[in-house]
Amino acid sequence: MVRAEAREEADVMNVYLAEQIAKDRLREARELATVARMMGTTRPAPEPLRVTIGLALIRLGRSLAGRTAKGAAGPRRATA
């Protein structure tokens, strides 16, 4: 009889523990969903100014170099 009562108490504790774990996981899932919703409503951050200026300078350099620079960039052979 004593073993059956001890087993019953253990089962009750396991149910309580399972409920607490489920509540914790639900709360964490709701927090993650809230953060995900907030992240979805924000616009992506613009590129830093240095990246924008760098890309503009690369485009400018390519346009100033023209087609001669493209032809000069071909494979070079060593002459002996």
PDB file of N, CA and C in Angstrom:
ATOM      1  N   MET A   1       0.811  -1.195   0.000  1.00  0.00           N
ATOM      2  CA  MET A   1       0.000   0.000   0.000  1.00  0.00           C
ATOM      3  C   MET A   1       0.860   1.267   0.000  1.00  0.00           C
ATOM      4  N   VAL A   2       1.946   1.245   0.749  1.00  0.00           N
ATOM      5  CA  VAL A   2       2.808   2.413   0.854  1.00  0.00           C
ATOM      6  C   VAL A   2       3.455   2.729  -0.486  1.00  0.00           C
ATOM      7  N   ARG A   3       3.824   1.682  -1.213  1.00  0.00           N
ATOM      8  CA  ARG A   3       4.448   1.888  -2.524  1.00  0.00           C
ATOM      9  C   ARG A   3       3.458   2.514  -3.512  1.00  0.00           C
ATOM     10  N   ALA A   4       2.225   2.106  -3.461  1.00  0.00           N
ATOM     11  CA  ALA A   4       1.205   2.642  -4.365  1.00  0.00           C
ATOM     12  C   ALA A   4       0.970   4.119  -4.085  1.00  0.00           C
ATOM     13  N   GLU A   5       0.962   4.504  -2.827  1.00  0.00           N
ATOM     14  CA  GLU A   5       0.782   5.923  -2.485  1.00  0.00           C
ATOM     15  C   GLU A   5       1.987   6.752  -2.916  1.00  0.00           C
ATOM     16  N   ALA A   6       3.171   6.209  -2.724  1.00  0.00           N
ATOM     17  CA  ALA A   6       4.379   6.920  -3.155  1.00  0.00           C
ATOM     18  C   ALA A   6       4.391   7.082  -4.672  1.00  0.00           C
ATOM     19  N   ARG A   7       3.974   6.044  -5.377  1.00  0.00           N
ATOM     20  CA  ARG A   7       3.924   6.108  -6.840  1.00  0.00           C
ATOM     21  C   ARG A   7       2.903   7.144  -7.292  1.00  0.00           C
ATOM     22  N   GLU A   8       1.764   7.206  -6.607  1.00  0.00           N
ATOM     23  CA  GLU A   8       0.719   8.175  -6.936  1.00  0.00           C
ATOM     24  C   GLU A   8       1.225   9.600  -6.736  1.00  0.00           C
ATOM     25  N   GLU A   9       1.959   9.845  -5.662  1.00  0.00           N
ATOM     26  CA  GLU A   9       2.512  11.178  -5.397  1.00  0.00           C
ATOM     27  C   GLU A   9       3.545  11.555  -6.458  1.00  0.00           C
ATOM     28  N   ALA A  10       4.338  10.592  -6.873  1.00  0.00           N
ATOM     29  CA  ALA A  10       5.323  10.848  -7.921  1.00  0.00           C
ATOM     30  C   ALA A  10       4.632  11.207  -9.231  1.00  0.00           C
ATOM     31  N   ASP A  11       3.536  10.525  -9.537  1.00  0.00           N
ATOM     32  CA  ASP A  11       2.792  10.833 -10.755  1.00  0.00           C
ATOM     33  C   ASP A  11       2.200  12.236 -10.703  1.00  0.00           C
ATOM     34  N   VAL A  12       1.704  12.633  -9.540  1.00  0.00           N
ATOM     35  CA  VAL A  12       1.144  13.971  -9.389  1.00  0.00           C
ATOM     36  C   VAL A  12       2.245  15.011  -9.586  1.00  0.00           C
ATOM     37  N   MET A  13       3.420  14.772  -9.030  1.00  0.00           N
ATOM     38  CA  MET A  13       4.522  15.708  -9.181  1.00  0.00           C
ATOM     39  C   MET A  13       4.956  15.790 -10.649  1.00  0.00           C
ATOM     40  N   ASN A  14       4.962  14.674 -11.346  1.00  0.00           N
ATOM     41  CA  ASN A  14       5.348  14.679 -12.749  1.00  0.00           C
ATOM     42  C   ASN A  14       4.350  15.466 -13.593  1.00  0.00           C
ATOM     43  N   VAL A  15       3.066  15.367 -13.271  1.00  0.00           N
ATOM     44  CA  VAL A  15       2.054  16.126 -14.001  1.00  0.00           C
ATOM     45  C   VAL A  15       2.258  17.613 -13.756  1.00  0.00           C
ATOM     46  N   TYR A  16       2.536  17.985 -12.522  1.00  0.00           N
ATOM     47  CA  TYR A  16       2.778  19.390 -12.196  1.00  0.00           C
ATOM     48  C   TYR A  16       4.016  19.887 -12.929  1.00  0.00           C
ATOM     49  N   LEU A  17       5.077  19.087 -12.914  1.00  0.00           N
ATOM     50  CA  LEU A  17       6.305  19.472 -13.598  1.00  0.00           C
ATOM     51  C   LEU A  17       6.067  19.620 -15.100  1.00  0.00           C
ATOM     52  N   ALA A  18       5.311  18.694 -15.670  1.00  0.00           N
ATOM     53  CA  ALA A  18       5.007  18.768 -17.098  1.00  0.00           C
ATOM     54  C   ALA A  18       4.205  20.028 -17.420  1.00  0.00           C
ATOM     55  N   GLU A  19       3.272  20.393 -16.560  1.00  0.00           N
ATOM     56  CA  GLU A  19       2.495  21.612 -16.775  1.00  0.00           C
ATOM     57  C   GLU A  19       3.389  22.844 -16.735  1.00  0.00           C
ATOM     58  N   GLN A  20       4.311  22.880 -15.789  1.00  0.00           N
ATOM     59  CA  GLN A  20       5.210  24.027 -15.671  1.00  0.00           C
ATOM     60  C   GLN A  20       6.132  24.137 -16.881  1.00  0.00           C
ATOM     61  N   ILE A  21       6.643  23.002 -17.338  1.00  0.00           N
ATOM     62  CA  ILE A  21       7.501  23.008 -18.530  1.00  0.00           C
ATOM     63  C   ILE A  21       6.717  23.486 -19.740  1.00  0.00           C
ATOM     64  N   ALA A  22       5.481  23.014 -19.882  1.00  0.00           N
ATOM     65  CA  ALA A  22       4.640  23.429 -21.012  1.00  0.00           C
ATOM     66  C   ALA A  22       4.353  24.925 -20.957  1.00  0.00           C
ATOM     67  N   LYS A  23       4.074  25.445 -19.768  1.00  0.00           N
ATOM     68  CA  LYS A  23       3.809  26.882 -19.621  1.00  0.00           C
ATOM     69  C   LYS A  23       5.043  27.701 -19.973  1.00  0.00           C
ATOM     70  N   ASP A  24       6.214  27.243 -19.511  1.00  0.00           N
ATOM     71  CA  ASP A  24       7.454  27.958 -19.833  1.00  0.00           C
ATOM     72  C   ASP A  24       7.717  27.977 -21.331  1.00  0.00           C
ATOM     73  N   ARG A  25       7.512  26.836 -21.967  1.00  0.00           N
ATOM     74  CA  ARG A  25       7.754  26.768 -23.419  1.00  0.00           C
ATOM     75  C   ARG A  25       6.767  27.630 -24.192  1.00  0.00           C
ATOM     76  N   LEU A  26       5.516  27.652 -23.766  1.00  0.00           N
ATOM     77  CA  LEU A  26       4.529  28.504 -24.427  1.00  0.00           C
ATOM     78  C   LEU A  26       4.890  29.979 -24.275  1.00  0.00           C
ATOM     79  N   ARG A  27       5.328  30.358 -23.068  1.00  0.00           N
ATOM     80  CA  ARG A  27       5.708  31.752 -22.840  1.00  0.00           C
ATOM     81  C   ARG A  27       6.902  32.130 -23.721  1.00  0.00           C
ATOM     82  N   GLU A  28       7.901  31.245 -23.817  1.00  0.00           N
ATOM     83  CA  GLU A  28       9.052  31.523 -24.666  1.00  0.00           C
ATOM     84  C   GLU A  28       8.652  31.610 -26.136  1.00  0.00           C
ATOM     85  N   ALA A  29       7.758  30.735 -26.577  1.00  0.00           N
ATOM     86  CA  ALA A  29       7.307  30.761 -27.967  1.00  0.00           C
ATOM     87  C   ALA A  29       6.555  32.051 -28.271  1.00  0.00           C
ATOM     88  N   ARG A  30       5.745  32.504 -27.322  1.00  0.00           N
ATOM     89  CA  ARG A  30       5.019  33.762 -27.528  1.00  0.00           C
ATOM     90  C   ARG A  30       5.984  34.947 -27.597  1.00  0.00           C
ATOM     91  N   GLU A  31       7.023  34.934 -26.748  1.00  0.00           N
ATOM     92  CA  GLU A  31       8.014  36.013 -26.784  1.00  0.00           C
ATOM     93  C   GLU A  31       8.753  36.022 -28.115  1.00  0.00           C
ATOM     94  N   LEU A  32       9.133  34.837 -28.597  1.00  0.00           N
ATOM     95  CA  LEU A  32       9.814  34.757 -29.890  1.00  0.00           C
ATOM     96  C   LEU A  32       8.915  35.225 -31.030  1.00  0.00           C
ATOM     97  N   ALA A  33       7.638  34.880 -30.957  1.00  0.00           N
ATOM     98  CA  ALA A  33       6.701  35.313 -31.989  1.00  0.00           C
ATOM     99  C   ALA A  33       6.540  36.827 -31.971  1.00  0.00           C
ATOM    100  N   THR A  34       6.524  37.415 -30.783  1.00  0.00           N
ATOM    101  CA  THR A  34       6.412  38.869 -30.673  1.00  0.00           C
ATOM    102  C   THR A  34       7.632  39.539 -31.292  1.00  0.00           C
ATOM    103  N   VAL A  35       8.806  39.021 -30.989  1.00  0.00           N
ATOM    104  CA  VAL A  35      10.037  39.593 -31.563  1.00  0.00           C
ATOM    105  C   VAL A  35      10.044  39.427 -33.074  1.00  0.00           C
ATOM    106  N   ALA A  36       9.626  38.265 -33.561  1.00  0.00           N
ATOM    107  CA  ALA A  36       9.593  38.029 -35.008  1.00  0.00           C
ATOM    108  C   ALA A  36       8.622  38.979 -35.696  1.00  0.00           C
ATOM    109  N   ARG A  37       7.469  39.242 -35.067  1.00  0.00           N
ATOM    110  CA  ARG A  37       6.513  40.192 -35.645  1.00  0.00           C
ATOM    111  C   ARG A  37       7.104  41.585 -35.707  1.00  0.00           C
ATOM    112  N   MET A  38       7.799  41.977 -34.642  1.00  0.00           N
ATOM    113  CA  MET A  38       8.400  43.313 -34.639  1.00  0.00           C
ATOM    114  C   MET A  38       9.504  43.421 -35.679  1.00  0.00           C
ATOM    115  N   MET A  39      10.276  42.362 -35.857  1.00  0.00           N
ATOM    116  CA  MET A  39      11.350  42.387 -36.853  1.00  0.00           C
ATOM    117  C   MET A  39      10.780  42.436 -38.268  1.00  0.00           C
ATOM    118  N   GLY A  40       9.634  41.823 -38.478  1.00  0.00           N
ATOM    119  CA  GLY A  40       9.023  41.823 -39.798  1.00  0.00           C
ATOM    120  C   GLY A  40       8.466  43.183 -40.181  1.00  0.00           C
ATOM    121  N   THR A  41       8.133  44.007 -39.214  1.00  0.00           N
ATOM    122  CA  THR A  41       7.555  45.307 -39.520  1.00  0.00           C
ATOM    123  C   THR A  41       8.604  46.385 -39.742  1.00  0.00           C
ATOM    124  N   THR A  42       9.845  46.115 -39.360  1.00  0.00           N
ATOM    125  CA  THR A  42      10.886  47.123 -39.541  1.00  0.00           C
ATOM    126  C   THR A  42      11.492  47.018 -40.931  1.00  0.00           C
ATOM    127  N   ARG A  43      11.964  48.137 -41.420  1.00  0.00           N
ATOM    128  CA  ARG A  43      12.650  48.149 -42.706  1.00  0.00           C
ATOM    129  C   ARG A  43      14.101  47.769 -42.483  1.00  0.00           C
ATOM    130  N   PRO A  44      14.727  47.131 -43.455  1.00  0.00           N
ATOM    131  CA  PRO A  44      16.142  46.802 -43.282  1.00  0.00           C
ATOM    132  C   PRO A  44      16.977  48.078 -43.199  1.00  0.00           C
ATOM    133  N   ALA A  45      18.041  48.022 -42.443  1.00  0.00           N
ATOM    134  CA  ALA A  45      18.909  49.189 -42.263  1.00  0.00           C
ATOM    135  C   ALA A  45      19.609  49.506 -43.581  1.00  0.00           C
ATOM    136  N   PRO A  46      19.742  50.770 -43.912  1.00  0.00           N
ATOM    137  CA  PRO A  46      20.448  51.129 -45.147  1.00  0.00           C
ATOM    138  C   PRO A  46      21.940  50.809 -45.019  1.00  0.00           C
ATOM    139  N   GLU A  47      22.581  50.672 -46.163  1.00  0.00           N
ATOM    140  CA  GLU A  47      24.021  50.402 -46.142  1.00  0.00           C
ATOM    141  C   GLU A  47      24.752  51.600 -45.541  1.00  0.00           C
ATOM    142  N   PRO A  48      25.869  51.349 -44.899  1.00  0.00           N
ATOM    143  CA  PRO A  48      26.651  52.469 -44.363  1.00  0.00           C
ATOM    144  C   PRO A  48      27.138  53.376 -45.497  1.00  0.00           C
ATOM    145  N   LEU A  49      27.407  54.601 -45.157  1.00  0.00           N
ATOM    146  CA  LEU A  49      27.839  55.592 -46.145  1.00  0.00           C
ATOM    147  C   LEU A  49      29.122  55.160 -46.846  1.00  0.00           C
ATOM    148  N   ARG A  50      30.053  54.554 -46.108  1.00  0.00           N
ATOM    149  CA  ARG A  50      31.320  54.152 -46.726  1.00  0.00           C
ATOM    150  C   ARG A  50      31.110  53.086 -47.795  1.00  0.00           C
ATOM    151  N   VAL A  51      30.120  52.189 -47.599  1.00  0.00           N
ATOM    152  CA  VAL A  51      29.833  51.170 -48.605  1.00  0.00           C
ATOM    153  C   VAL A  51      29.234  51.819 -49.842  1.00  0.00           C
ATOM    154  N   THR A  52      28.308  52.737 -49.642  1.00  0.00           N
ATOM    155  CA  THR A  52      27.679  53.429 -50.772  1.00  0.00           C
ATOM    156  C   THR A  52      28.713  54.208 -51.577  1.00  0.00           C
ATOM    157  N   ILE A  53      29.579  54.942 -50.883  1.00  0.00           N
ATOM    158  CA  ILE A  53      30.612  55.731 -51.577  1.00  0.00           C
ATOM    159  C   ILE A  53      31.605  54.803 -52.275  1.00  0.00           C
ATOM    160  N   GLY A  54      31.981  53.711 -51.618  1.00  0.00           N
ATOM    161  CA  GLY A  54      32.912  52.770 -52.230  1.00  0.00           C
ATOM    162  C   GLY A  54      32.373  52.168 -53.511  1.00  0.00           C
ATOM    163  N   LEU A  55      31.113  51.748 -53.485  1.00  0.00           N
ATOM    164  CA  LEU A  55      30.508  51.182 -54.692  1.00  0.00           C
ATOM    165  C   LEU A  55      30.384  52.224 -55.797  1.00  0.00           C
ATOM    166  N   ALA A  56      30.073  53.459 -55.426  1.00  0.00           N
ATOM    167  CA  ALA A  56      29.984  54.530 -56.434  1.00  0.00           C
ATOM    168  C   ALA A  56      31.353  54.784 -57.058  1.00  0.00           C
ATOM    169  N   LEU A  57      32.414  54.764 -56.252  1.00  0.00           N
ATOM    170  CA  LEU A  57      33.765  54.975 -56.794  1.00  0.00           C
ATOM    171  C   LEU A  57      34.180  53.829 -57.718  1.00  0.00           C
ATOM    172  N   ILE A  58      33.806  52.622 -57.404  1.00  0.00           N
ATOM    173  CA  ILE A  58      34.116  51.491 -58.275  1.00  0.00           C
ATOM    174  C   ILE A  58      33.406  51.641 -59.605  1.00  0.00           C
ATOM    175  N   ARG A  59      32.117  52.017 -59.574  1.00  0.00           N
ATOM    176  CA  ARG A  59      31.380  52.219 -60.828  1.00  0.00           C
ATOM    177  C   ARG A  59      31.988  53.364 -61.640  1.00  0.00           C
ATOM    178  N   LEU A  60      32.359  54.436 -60.949  1.00  0.00           N
ATOM    179  CA  LEU A  60      32.969  55.573 -61.639  1.00  0.00           C
ATOM    180  C   LEU A  60      34.287  55.172 -62.281  1.00  0.00           C
ATOM    181  N   GLY A  61      35.098  54.435 -61.556  1.00  0.00           N
ATOM    182  CA  GLY A  61      36.378  53.985 -62.110  1.00  0.00           C
ATOM    183  C   GLY A  61      36.199  53.090 -63.317  1.00  0.00           C
ATOM    184  N   ARG A  62      35.237  52.219 -63.263  1.00  0.00           N
ATOM    185  CA  ARG A  62      34.985  51.336 -64.408  1.00  0.00           C
ATOM    186  C   ARG A  62      34.497  52.117 -65.614  1.00  0.00           C
ATOM    187  N   SER A  63      33.653  53.104 -65.375  1.00  0.00           N
ATOM    188  CA  SER A  63      33.152  53.879 -66.517  1.00  0.00           C
ATOM    189  C   SER A  63      34.253  54.763 -67.104  1.00  0.00           C
ATOM    190  N   LEU A  64      35.138  55.290 -66.264  1.00  0.00           N
ATOM    191  CA  LEU A  64      36.241  56.114 -66.770  1.00  0.00           C
ATOM    192  C   LEU A  64      37.272  55.265 -67.507  1.00  0.00           C
ATOM    193  N   ALA A  65      37.478  54.055 -67.062  1.00  0.00           N
ATOM    194  CA  ALA A  65      38.461  53.184 -67.701  1.00  0.00           C
ATOM    195  C   ALA A  65      37.987  52.763 -69.089  1.00  0.00           C
ATOM    196  N   GLY A  66      36.719  52.606 -69.256  1.00  0.00           N
ATOM    197  CA  GLY A  66      36.168  52.268 -70.567  1.00  0.00           C
ATOM    198  C   GLY A  66      36.527  50.865 -70.996  1.00  0.00           C
ATOM    199  N   ARG A  67      36.435  50.652 -72.300  1.00  0.00           N
ATOM    200  CA  ARG A  67      36.654  49.313 -72.848  1.00  0.00           C
ATOM    201  C   ARG A  67      38.130  48.938 -72.904  1.00  0.00           C
ATOM    202  N   THR A  68      39.019  49.887 -72.971  1.00  0.00           N
ATOM    203  CA  THR A  68      40.450  49.551 -73.053  1.00  0.00           C
ATOM    204  C   THR A  68      40.917  48.830 -71.800  1.00  0.00           C
ATOM    205  N   ALA A  69      40.361  49.190 -70.672  1.00  0.00           N
ATOM    206  CA  ALA A  69      40.748  48.520 -69.439  1.00  0.00           C
ATOM    207  C   ALA A  69      40.255  47.077 -69.425  1.00  0.00           C
ATOM    208  N   LYS A  70      39.114  46.815 -70.038  1.00  0.00           N
ATOM    209  CA  LYS A  70      38.602  45.459 -70.081  1.00  0.00           C
ATOM    210  C   LYS A  70      39.490  44.577 -70.950  1.00  0.00           C
ATOM    211  N   GLY A  71      39.966  45.106 -72.051  1.00  0.00           N
ATOM    212  CA  GLY A  71      40.844  44.340 -72.934  1.00  0.00           C
ATOM    213  C   GLY A  71      42.214  44.125 -72.312  1.00  0.00           C
ATOM    214  N   ALA A  72      42.678  45.067 -71.542  1.00  0.00           N
ATOM    215  CA  ALA A  72      44.003  44.956 -70.928  1.00  0.00           C
ATOM    216  C   ALA A  72      44.014  43.970 -69.778  1.00  0.00           C
ATOM    217  N   ALA A  73      42.858  43.614 -69.284  1.00  0.00           N
ATOM    218  CA  ALA A  73      42.783  42.725 -68.138  1.00  0.00           C
ATOM    219  C   ALA A  73      42.849  41.268 -68.539  1.00  0.00           C
ATOM    220  N   GLY A  74      43.091  40.976 -69.822  1.00  0.00           N
ATOM    221  CA  GLY A  74      43.149  39.594 -70.284  1.00  0.00           C
ATOM    222  C   GLY A  74      44.388  38.883 -69.751  1.00  0.00           C
ATOM    223  N   PRO A  75      44.514  37.601 -70.083  1.00  0.00           N
ATOM    224  CA  PRO A  75      45.656  36.841 -69.580  1.00  0.00           C
ATOM    225  C   PRO A  75      46.962  37.351 -70.190  1.00  0.00           C
ATOM    226  N   ARG A  76      47.977  37.377 -69.384  1.00  0.00           N
ATOM    227  CA  ARG A  76      49.299  37.842 -69.848  1.00  0.00           C
ATOM    228  C   ARG A  76      50.229  36.657 -69.946  1.00  0.00           C
ATOM    229  N   ARG A  77      51.083  36.703 -70.927  1.00  0.00           N
ATOM    230  CA  ARG A  77      52.036  35.610 -71.135  1.00  0.00           C
ATOM    231  C   ARG A  77      53.449  36.156 -70.939  1.00  0.00           C
ATOM    232  N   ALA A  78      54.227  35.363 -70.288  1.00  0.00           N
ATOM    233  CA  ALA A  78      55.624  35.760 -70.084  1.00  0.00           C
ATOM    234  C   ALA A  78      56.399  35.501 -71.376  1.00  0.00           C
ATOM    235  N   THR A  79      57.232  36.432 -71.753  1.00  0.00           N
ATOM    236  CA  THR A  79      58.053  36.257 -72.967  1.00  0.00           C
ATOM    237  C   THR A  79      59.475  35.913 -72.534  1.00  0.00           C
ATOM    238  N   ALA A  80      60.062  34.996 -73.273  1.00  0.00           N
ATOM    239  CA  ALA A  80      61.417  34.574 -72.904  1.00  0.00           C
ATOM    240  C   ALA A  80      62.421  35.028 -73.916  1.00  0.00           C
TER     241      ALA A  80
END
